[in-house]
C-alpha atoms as a PDB file:
ATOM      1  CA  MET A   1     -16.129 -30.612  14.771  1.00  0.00           C
ATOM      2  CA  LEU A   2     -18.002 -27.465  14.606  1.00  0.00           C
ATOM      3  CA  ASP A   3     -20.858 -27.284  17.227  1.00  0.00           C
ATOM      4  CA  TRP A   4     -23.747 -25.801  15.288  1.00  0.00           C
ATOM      5  CA  ARG A   5     -25.934 -25.203  18.298  1.00  0.00           C
ATOM      6  CA  ALA A   6     -23.137 -23.031  19.819  1.00  0.00           C
ATOM      7  CA  TYR A   7     -22.538 -21.341  16.438  1.00  0.00           C
ATOM      8  CA  ILE A   8     -26.102 -20.295  16.336  1.00  0.00           C
ATOM      9  CA  ASP A   9     -25.812 -18.778  19.666  1.00  0.00           C
ATOM     10  CA  GLU A  10     -22.692 -16.928  18.556  1.00  0.00           C
ATOM     11  CA  THR A  11     -24.323 -15.897  15.309  1.00  0.00           C
ATOM     12  CA  ALA A  12     -27.164 -14.246  17.400  1.00  0.00           C
ATOM     13  CA  ARG A  13     -24.578 -12.315  19.525  1.00  0.00           C
ATOM     14  CA  ALA A  14     -22.718 -11.259  16.515  1.00  0.00           C
ATOM     15  CA  ILE A  15     -26.020  -9.818  14.986  1.00  0.00           C
ATOM     16  CA  SER A  16     -26.708  -8.086  18.190  1.00  0.00           C
ATOM     17  CA  PHE A  17     -23.135  -6.561  18.281  1.00  0.00           C
ATOM     18  CA  LEU A  18     -22.975  -5.581  14.460  1.00  0.00           C
ATOM     19  CA  SER A  19     -26.496  -4.186  14.176  1.00  0.00           C
ATOM     20  CA  ARG A  20     -29.563  -2.623  15.886  1.00  0.00           C
ATOM     21  CA  LEU A  21     -31.704  -5.797  15.222  1.00  0.00           C
ATOM     22  CA  PRO A  22     -33.365  -7.152  18.245  1.00  0.00           C
ATOM     23  CA  VAL A  23     -32.005 -10.481  19.779  1.00  0.00           C
ATOM     24  CA  PRO A  24     -33.486 -12.459  22.531  1.00  0.00           C
ATOM     25  CA  ASP A  25     -31.963 -12.074  26.059  1.00  0.00           C
ATOM     26  CA  ARG A  26     -31.621 -15.934  26.209  1.00  0.00           C
ATOM     27  CA  PHE A  27     -28.775 -15.867  23.866  1.00  0.00           C
ATOM     28  CA  PHE A  28     -26.725 -13.709  26.452  1.00  0.00           C
ATOM     29  CA  ALA A  29     -27.413 -15.717  29.527  1.00  0.00           C
ATOM     30  CA  GLY A  30     -24.283 -16.489  31.220  1.00  0.00           C
ATOM     31  CA  HIS A  31     -22.110 -14.871  28.568  1.00  0.00           C
ATOM     32  CA  ASP A  32     -19.217 -12.755  29.545  1.00  0.00           C
ATOM     33  CA  GLY A  33     -19.518 -10.393  26.631  1.00  0.00           C
ATOM     34  CA  SER A  34     -16.335 -11.497  24.892  1.00  0.00           C
ATOM     35  CA  LEU A  35     -16.268 -11.584  21.044  1.00  0.00           C
ATOM     36  CA  SER A  36     -13.222 -13.688  20.863  1.00  0.00           C
ATOM     37  CA  LYS A  37     -15.449 -16.847  19.646  1.00  0.00           C
ATOM     38  CA  THR A  38     -18.240 -14.587  18.382  1.00  0.00           C
ATOM     39  CA  ALA A  39     -16.213 -13.204  15.681  1.00  0.00           C
ATOM     40  CA  ALA A  40     -16.287 -16.568  13.841  1.00  0.00           C
ATOM     41  CA  ALA A  41     -19.924 -15.928  13.230  1.00  0.00           C
ATOM     42  CA  PHE A  42     -19.488 -12.417  11.756  1.00  0.00           C
ATOM     43  CA  PRO A  43     -19.772 -13.441   8.029  1.00  0.00           C
ATOM     44  CA  VAL A  44     -23.136 -15.188   8.582  1.00  0.00           C
ATOM     45  CA  ALA A  45     -24.331 -12.354  10.808  1.00  0.00           C
ATOM     46  CA  GLY A  46     -23.198  -9.959   8.189  1.00  0.00           C
ATOM     47  CA  LEU A  47     -25.266 -11.861   5.571  1.00  0.00           C
ATOM     48  CA  LEU A  48     -28.427 -11.907   7.905  1.00  0.00           C
ATOM     49  CA  ILE A  49     -27.900  -8.263   8.681  1.00  0.00           C
ATOM     50  CA  ALA A  50     -28.025  -7.357   4.917  1.00  0.00           C
ATOM     51  CA  LEU A  51     -31.004  -9.288   4.228  1.00  0.00           C
ATOM     52  CA  PRO A  52     -33.681  -6.402   4.998  1.00  0.00           C
ATOM     53  CA  SER A  53     -31.636  -4.060   2.828  1.00  0.00           C
ATOM     54  CA  ALA A  54     -31.426  -6.534   0.099  1.00  0.00           C
ATOM     55  CA  CYS A  55     -35.278  -6.978   0.174  1.00  0.00           C
ATOM     56  CA  VAL A  56     -35.385  -3.182  -0.244  1.00  0.00           C
ATOM     57  CA  LEU A  57     -33.320  -3.391  -3.143  1.00  0.00           C
ATOM     58  CA  ALA A  58     -35.347  -6.208  -4.771  1.00  0.00           C
ATOM     59  CA  LEU A  59     -38.575  -4.316  -4.022  1.00  0.00           C
ATOM     60  CA  SER A  60     -37.435  -1.050  -5.374  1.00  0.00           C
ATOM     61  CA  LEU A  61     -36.196  -2.595  -8.661  1.00  0.00           C
ATOM     62  CA  THR A  62     -39.393  -4.601  -9.033  1.00  0.00           C
ATOM     63  CA  LEU A  63     -41.459  -1.561  -8.585  1.00  0.00           C
ATOM     64  CA  GLY A  64     -39.659   0.309 -11.205  1.00  0.00           C
ATOM     65  CA  ALA A  65     -37.233   2.595  -9.267  1.00  0.00           C
ATOM     66  CA  GLY A  66     -34.136   3.754 -10.982  1.00  0.00           C
ATOM     67  CA  SER A  67     -30.996   2.009 -10.172  1.00  0.00           C
ATOM     68  CA  THR A  68     -29.339   4.906  -8.358  1.00  0.00           C
ATOM     69  CA  LEU A  69     -32.419   5.308  -6.316  1.00  0.00           C
ATOM     70  CA  ALA A  70     -32.763   1.723  -5.532  1.00  0.00           C
ATOM     71  CA  ALA A  71     -29.136   1.368  -4.635  1.00  0.00           C
ATOM     72  CA  LEU A  72     -29.251   4.606  -2.370  1.00  0.00           C
ATOM     73  CA  LEU A  73     -32.344   3.244  -0.454  1.00  0.00           C
ATOM     74  CA  THR A  74     -30.567  -0.016   0.061  1.00  0.00           C
ATOM     75  CA  ILE A  75     -27.416   1.587   1.580  1.00  0.00           C
ATOM     76  CA  THR A  76     -29.749   3.841   3.709  1.00  0.00           C
ATOM     77  CA  VAL A  77     -31.707   0.949   5.120  1.00  0.00           C
ATOM     78  CA  HIS A  78     -28.456  -0.973   5.708  1.00  0.00           C
ATOM     79  CA  VAL A  79     -26.836   1.929   7.560  1.00  0.00           C
ATOM     80  CA  VAL A  80     -29.932   2.381   9.796  1.00  0.00           C
ATOM     81  CA  THR A  81     -29.861  -1.366  10.541  1.00  0.00           C
ATOM     82  CA  THR A  82     -26.223  -1.355  11.424  1.00  0.00           C
ATOM     83  CA  GLY A  83     -26.473   1.859  13.362  1.00  0.00           C
ATOM     84  CA  ALA A  84     -23.623   3.111  11.008  1.00  0.00           C
ATOM     85  CA  LEU A  85     -21.196   1.092  13.144  1.00  0.00           C
ATOM     86  CA  HIS A  86     -18.511   0.568  10.400  1.00  0.00           C
ATOM     87  CA  GLU A  87     -19.136   3.919   8.855  1.00  0.00           C
ATOM     88  CA  ASP A  88     -18.242   5.421  12.234  1.00  0.00           C
ATOM     89  CA  GLY A  89     -15.006   3.431  12.385  1.00  0.00           C
ATOM     90  CA  LEU A  90     -14.206   4.589   8.832  1.00  0.00           C
ATOM     91  CA  SER A  91     -14.799   8.202   9.635  1.00  0.00           C
ATOM     92  CA  ASP A  92     -12.732   8.086  12.940  1.00  0.00           C
ATOM     93  CA  THR A  93      -9.865   6.283  11.328  1.00  0.00           C
ATOM     94  CA  ALA A  94      -9.707   8.746   8.499  1.00  0.00           C
ATOM     95  CA  ASP A  95      -9.534  11.711  10.810  1.00  0.00           C
ATOM     96  CA  GLY A  96      -6.850   9.945  12.838  1.00  0.00           C
ATOM     97  CA  LEU A  97      -4.693   9.045  10.023  1.00  0.00           C
ATOM     98  CA  GLY A  98      -5.272  12.293   8.206  1.00  0.00           C
ATOM     99  CA  GLY A  99      -4.758  14.741  10.925  1.00  0.00           C
ATOM    100  CA  GLY A 100      -2.394  12.827  13.246  1.00  0.00           C
ATOM    101  CA  HIS A 101       1.326  13.218  12.572  1.00  0.00           C
ATOM    102  CA  ASP A 102       2.280  10.606  14.880  1.00  0.00           C
ATOM    103  CA  ARG A 103       0.794   7.395  16.569  1.00  0.00           C
ATOM    104  CA  ASP A 104      -0.201   8.974  19.764  1.00  0.00           C
ATOM    105  CA  LYS A 105      -1.851  12.074  18.126  1.00  0.00           C
ATOM    106  CA  ALA A 106      -3.674   9.742  15.654  1.00  0.00           C
ATOM    107  CA  LEU A 107      -5.046   7.575  18.447  1.00  0.00           C
ATOM    108  CA  THR A 108      -6.167  10.672  20.338  1.00  0.00           C
ATOM    109  CA  ILE A 109      -8.196  12.099  17.363  1.00  0.00           C
ATOM    110  CA  MET A 110      -9.636   8.718  16.566  1.00  0.00           C
ATOM    111  CA  LYS A 111     -11.033   8.597  20.115  1.00  0.00           C
ATOM    112  CA  ASP A 112     -12.671  12.048  19.773  1.00  0.00           C
ATOM    113  CA  SER A 113     -16.246  11.732  18.820  1.00  0.00           C
ATOM    114  CA  ARG A 114     -16.271  14.774  16.635  1.00  0.00           C
ATOM    115  CA  ILE A 115     -16.018  14.438  12.960  1.00  0.00           C
ATOM    116  CA  GLY A 116     -13.532  16.324  11.004  1.00  0.00           C
ATOM    117  CA  THR A 117     -12.853  17.102   7.270  1.00  0.00           C
ATOM    118  CA  TYR A 118     -11.220  13.774   6.495  1.00  0.00           C
ATOM    119  CA  GLY A 119     -13.877  11.759   8.197  1.00  0.00           C
ATOM    120  CA  ALA A 120     -16.524  13.529   6.491  1.00  0.00           C
ATOM    121  CA  LEU A 121     -14.944  13.016   3.151  1.00  0.00           C
ATOM    122  CA  ALA A 122     -14.368   9.178   3.884  1.00  0.00           C
ATOM    123  CA  LEU A 123     -17.947   8.877   4.577  1.00  0.00           C
ATOM    124  CA  ILE A 124     -19.227  10.787   1.495  1.00  0.00           C
ATOM    125  CA  LEU A 125     -16.924   8.822  -0.698  1.00  0.00           C
ATOM    126  CA  SER A 126     -17.981   5.493   0.872  1.00  0.00           C
ATOM    127  CA  ILE A 127     -21.628   6.104   0.365  1.00  0.00           C
ATOM    128  CA  ALA A 128     -20.828   7.475  -3.161  1.00  0.00           C
ATOM    129  CA  LEU A 129     -18.718   4.552  -4.277  1.00  0.00           C
ATOM    130  CA  ARG A 130     -21.065   1.854  -2.856  1.00  0.00           C
ATOM    131  CA  THR A 131     -23.930   3.644  -4.318  1.00  0.00           C
ATOM    132  CA  THR A 132     -22.476   3.887  -7.612  1.00  0.00           C
ATOM    133  CA  ALA A 133     -21.140   0.377  -7.814  1.00  0.00           C
ATOM    134  CA  LEU A 134     -24.485  -1.128  -6.605  1.00  0.00           C
ATOM    135  CA  ALA A 135     -26.501   0.828  -9.176  1.00  0.00           C
ATOM    136  CA  THR A 136     -24.001  -0.231 -12.054  1.00  0.00           C
ATOM    137  CA  LEU A 137     -24.845  -3.918 -10.923  1.00  0.00           C
ATOM    138  CA  CYS A 138     -28.610  -3.333 -11.259  1.00  0.00           C
ATOM    139  CA  ILE A 139     -28.664  -4.953 -14.676  1.00  0.00           C
ATOM    140  CA  PRO A 140     -31.942  -4.192 -16.637  1.00  0.00           C
ATOM    141  CA  GLY A 141     -34.490  -7.316 -16.426  1.00  0.00           C
ATOM    142  CA  SER A 142     -32.555  -9.022 -13.730  1.00  0.00           C
ATOM    143  CA  ILE A 143     -32.377  -8.126  -9.980  1.00  0.00           C
ATOM    144  CA  ALA A 144     -30.330 -11.159  -9.127  1.00  0.00           C
ATOM    145  CA  PRO A 145     -26.874  -9.973  -9.838  1.00  0.00           C
ATOM    146  CA  ALA A 146     -27.162  -6.826  -7.658  1.00  0.00           C
ATOM    147  CA  ILE A 147     -28.742  -8.860  -4.688  1.00  0.00           C
ATOM    148  CA  ALA A 148     -26.102 -11.458  -4.939  1.00  0.00           C
ATOM    149  CA  ALA A 149     -23.174  -8.848  -5.128  1.00  0.00           C
ATOM    150  CA  TRP A 150     -24.896  -7.001  -2.016  1.00  0.00           C
ATOM    151  CA  LEU A 151     -25.148 -10.048   0.076  1.00  0.00           C
ATOM    152  CA  ALA A 152     -21.828 -11.506  -1.086  1.00  0.00           C
ATOM    153  CA  GLY A 153     -19.959  -8.232   0.016  1.00  0.00           C
ATOM    154  CA  ALA A 154     -21.619  -8.133   3.385  1.00  0.00           C
ATOM    155  CA  SER A 155     -20.406 -11.581   4.216  1.00  0.00           C
ATOM    156  CA  LEU A 156     -16.801 -11.242   2.760  1.00  0.00           C
ATOM    157  CA  SER A 157     -16.139  -7.877   4.424  1.00  0.00           C
ATOM    158  CA  ARG A 158     -17.070  -9.246   7.849  1.00  0.00           C
ATOM    159  CA  GLY A 159     -14.691 -12.124   7.236  1.00  0.00           C
ATOM    160  CA  LEU A 160     -11.874  -9.729   6.372  1.00  0.00           C
ATOM    161  CA  MET A 161     -12.498  -7.378   9.245  1.00  0.00           C
ATOM    162  CA  VAL A 162     -11.974 -10.239  11.552  1.00  0.00           C
ATOM    163  CA  TRP A 163      -8.745 -11.202   9.794  1.00  0.00           C
ATOM    164  CA  HIS A 164      -7.603  -7.546  10.266  1.00  0.00           C
ATOM    165  CA  TRP A 165      -8.639  -7.738  13.829  1.00  0.00           C
ATOM    166  CA  SER A 166      -6.626 -10.970  14.580  1.00  0.00           C
ATOM    167  CA  SER A 167      -3.460  -9.986  12.450  1.00  0.00           C
ATOM    168  CA  LEU A 168      -2.597  -6.933  14.625  1.00  0.00           C
ATOM    169  CA  PRO A 169      -1.973  -6.333  18.314  1.00  0.00           C
ATOM    170  CA  THR A 170      -4.252  -3.874  20.116  1.00  0.00           C
ATOM    171  CA  ALA A 171      -3.171  -0.301  19.673  1.00  0.00           C
ATOM    172  CA  ARG A 172      -4.601   0.707  23.117  1.00  0.00           C
ATOM    173  CA  THR A 173      -5.752  -1.101  26.102  1.00  0.00           C
ATOM    174  CA  ASP A 174      -8.911   0.961  26.927  1.00  0.00           C
ATOM    175  CA  GLY A 175     -10.757   0.507  23.463  1.00  0.00           C
ATOM    176  CA  VAL A 176     -13.698  -1.490  22.723  1.00  0.00           C
ATOM    177  CA  ALA A 177     -11.754  -4.102  20.568  1.00  0.00           C
ATOM    178  CA  SER A 178      -9.386  -4.612  23.511  1.00  0.00           C
ATOM    179  CA  ARG A 179     -12.100  -5.172  25.968  1.00  0.00           C
ATOM    180  CA  ALA A 180     -13.970  -7.679  23.718  1.00  0.00           C
ATOM    181  CA  GLY A 181     -11.046  -9.901  23.415  1.00  0.00           C
ATOM    182  CA  ALA A 182      -9.252 -10.554  20.276  1.00  0.00           C
ATOM    183  CA  PRO A 183     -10.257 -13.634  18.096  1.00  0.00           C
ATOM    184  CA  THR A 184      -7.729 -16.382  17.958  1.00  0.00           C
ATOM    185  CA  LYS A 185      -6.106 -17.489  14.676  1.00  0.00           C
ATOM    186  CA  PRO A 186      -8.407 -20.556  14.292  1.00  0.00           C
ATOM    187  CA  VAL A 187     -11.413 -18.183  14.884  1.00  0.00           C
ATOM    188  CA  ALA A 188     -10.124 -15.788  12.445  1.00  0.00           C
ATOM    189  CA  ASN A 189      -9.224 -18.414   9.884  1.00  0.00           C
ATOM    190  CA  LEU A 190     -12.893 -19.768  10.131  1.00  0.00           C
ATOM    191  CA  ALA A 191     -14.488 -16.243   9.657  1.00  0.00           C
ATOM    192  CA  LEU A 192     -12.255 -15.630   6.656  1.00  0.00           C
ATOM    193  CA  ALA A 193     -13.088 -18.997   5.137  1.00  0.00           C
ATOM    194  CA  LEU A 194     -16.841 -18.642   5.707  1.00  0.00           C
ATOM    195  CA  GLY A 195     -16.829 -15.115   4.400  1.00  0.00           C
ATOM    196  CA  GLY A 196     -15.166 -16.251   1.182  1.00  0.00           C
ATOM    197  CA  ALA A 197     -17.132 -19.506   0.857  1.00  0.00           C
ATOM    198  CA  LEU A 198     -20.434 -17.460   1.289  1.00  0.00           C
ATOM    199  CA  ALA A 199     -19.377 -14.736  -1.141  1.00  0.00           C
ATOM    200  CA  ILE A 200     -18.443 -17.508  -3.749  1.00  0.00           C
ATOM    201  CA  ALA A 201     -21.738 -19.398  -3.259  1.00  0.00           C
ATOM    202  CA  LEU A 202     -23.981 -16.381  -3.361  1.00  0.00           C
ATOM    203  CA  GLY A 203     -22.064 -14.909  -6.465  1.00  0.00           C
ATOM    204  CA  TRP A 204     -22.023 -18.235  -8.267  1.00  0.00           C
ATOM    205  CA  LEU A 205     -25.750 -18.011  -8.508  1.00  0.00           C
ATOM    206  CA  ALA A 206     -26.044 -14.779 -10.587  1.00  0.00           C
ATOM    207  CA  LEU A 207     -22.403 -13.433 -11.308  1.00  0.00           C
ATOM    208  CA  PRO A 208     -19.732 -14.310 -13.846  1.00  0.00           C
ATOM    209  CA  LEU A 209     -16.941 -16.447 -12.050  1.00  0.00           C
ATOM    210  CA  ALA A 210     -14.201 -14.420 -13.534  1.00  0.00           C
ATOM    211  CA  ALA A 211     -15.534 -11.297 -12.275  1.00  0.00           C
ATOM    212  CA  LEU A 212     -16.395 -12.666  -8.896  1.00  0.00           C
ATOM    213  CA  LEU A 213     -12.973 -14.110  -8.281  1.00  0.00           C
ATOM    214  CA  THR A 214     -11.328 -10.888  -9.487  1.00  0.00           C
ATOM    215  CA  SER A 215     -13.408  -8.988  -6.884  1.00  0.00           C
ATOM    216  CA  LEU A 216     -12.589 -11.374  -4.121  1.00  0.00           C
ATOM    217  CA  ILE A 217      -8.803 -10.981  -4.810  1.00  0.00           C
ATOM    218  CA  ALA A 218      -9.193  -7.041  -5.087  1.00  0.00           C
ATOM    219  CA  SER A 219     -11.172  -6.981  -1.716  1.00  0.00           C
ATOM    220  CA  GLY A 220      -8.487  -9.084  -0.150  1.00  0.00           C
ATOM    221  CA  ILE A 221      -5.573  -7.106  -1.508  1.00  0.00           C
ATOM    222  CA  LEU A 222      -7.251  -3.721  -0.424  1.00  0.00           C
ATOM    223  CA  SER A 223      -7.776  -5.343   3.149  1.00  0.00           C
ATOM    224  CA  TYR A 224      -4.172  -6.467   3.269  1.00  0.00           C
ATOM    225  CA  GLY A 225      -2.734  -3.145   2.154  1.00  0.00           C
ATOM    226  CA  PHE A 226      -4.976  -1.201   4.781  1.00  0.00           C
ATOM    227  CA  THR A 227      -3.920  -3.589   7.472  1.00  0.00           C
ATOM    228  CA  ALA A 228      -0.293  -3.151   6.497  1.00  0.00           C
ATOM    229  CA  HIS A 229      -0.664   0.700   6.671  1.00  0.00           C
ATOM    230  CA  ILE A 230      -2.247   0.618   9.991  1.00  0.00           C
ATOM    231  CA  ARG A 231       0.586  -1.751  11.350  1.00  0.00           C
ATOM    232  CA  GLN A 232       3.037   0.948  10.164  1.00  0.00           C
ATOM    233  CA  ARG A 233       1.079   3.990  11.267  1.00  0.00           C
ATOM    234  CA  LEU A 234      -0.537   2.898  14.713  1.00  0.00           C
ATOM    235  CA  GLY A 235       1.375  -0.417  15.517  1.00  0.00           C
ATOM    236  CA  GLY A 236      -1.868  -2.150  16.024  1.00  0.00           C
ATOM    237  CA  GLN A 237      -5.726  -2.335  15.513  1.00  0.00           C
ATOM    238  CA  THR A 238      -8.566  -0.393  17.231  1.00  0.00           C
ATOM    239  CA  GLY A 239     -12.421  -0.831  17.044  1.00  0.00           C
ATOM    240  CA  ASP A 240     -12.348   2.003  14.498  1.00  0.00           C
ATOM    241  CA  THR A 241      -9.824   0.356  12.129  1.00  0.00           C
ATOM    242  CA  ILE A 242     -11.626  -2.863  12.247  1.00  0.00           C
ATOM    243  CA  GLY A 243     -14.818  -1.001  11.156  1.00  0.00           C
ATOM    244  CA  ALA A 244     -12.739   0.753   8.461  1.00  0.00           C
ATOM    245  CA  CYS A 245     -11.375  -2.437   7.065  1.00  0.00           C
ATOM    246  CA  GLN A 246     -14.965  -3.744   6.652  1.00  0.00           C
ATOM    247  CA  GLN A 247     -15.752  -0.752   4.644  1.00  0.00           C
ATOM    248  CA  PHE A 248     -12.618  -0.957   2.477  1.00  0.00           C
ATOM    249  CA  ALA A 249     -13.277  -4.624   1.805  1.00  0.00           C
ATOM    250  CA  GLU A 250     -16.894  -4.062   0.889  1.00  0.00           C
ATOM    251  CA  ILE A 251     -16.038  -1.107  -1.265  1.00  0.00           C
ATOM    252  CA  GLY A 252     -13.230  -2.994  -3.095  1.00  0.00           C
ATOM    253  CA  PHE A 253     -15.614  -5.875  -3.824  1.00  0.00           C
ATOM    254  CA  LEU A 254     -18.462  -3.821  -5.075  1.00  0.00           C
ATOM    255  CA  VAL A 255     -16.474  -1.480  -7.234  1.00  0.00           C
ATOM    256  CA  THR A 256     -14.320  -4.184  -8.654  1.00  0.00           C
ATOM    257  CA  LEU A 257     -17.263  -6.256  -9.526  1.00  0.00           C
ATOM    258  CA  ALA A 258     -19.047  -3.190 -11.045  1.00  0.00           C
ATOM    259  CA  ILE A 259     -15.983  -2.569 -13.226  1.00  0.00           C
ATOM    260  CA  ALA A 260     -15.396  -6.086 -14.105  1.00  0.00           C
ATOM    261  CA  LEU A 261     -18.958  -6.737 -15.330  1.00  0.00           C
END
């Protein structure tokens, strides 16, 4: 039986970890800082974290902004809200995989805070693909499909990133993901189920079912492929690859949905 009071506490902690949004100190009283249980709340936290940017999207379209401008404003607000947490992981992962010829070199590059060519290109492509896809989903006369897709992608991608986290051993013992404590399989399964359920529930309101399911499958396949590649190249996950998985999952969902519609 799920303890909803405890889950609310974990959701608050997840919001604090995944964003710059303020969370009352009472949620951290007596907490050891571990994310092994908190990860189960990542999909719900992802949904709540995406609400401010979804409001910007709705307001921009209502006021007559063009779809591209509205989409870019939405992603800008979201990046500010999250502190570019996942974008940073994507950038570091791209630099490591692109510039590292072996595991140790790749991990060393990923730990370097400086951004390289591969990381810069990954960021540009991530913003461009998500902006274009979200703009395509801004159907004239209806703001519901774009908002539903944005919120659904936020929830689904956080569930898939937890799955990535739990599916691989840690690649290094001094990283953030290692210190935070890996989620157990039941926690990861709950996160994945909640991410998928929230995505379906949100998408059901405004998106064609076939396009929604196709996008869910595409996002899952892309996350699986990325995880398999990380297993082969690094032998395990890091905080950066977890963030990168979120980006791949969200991009895959939004782009596939934009094409399917």
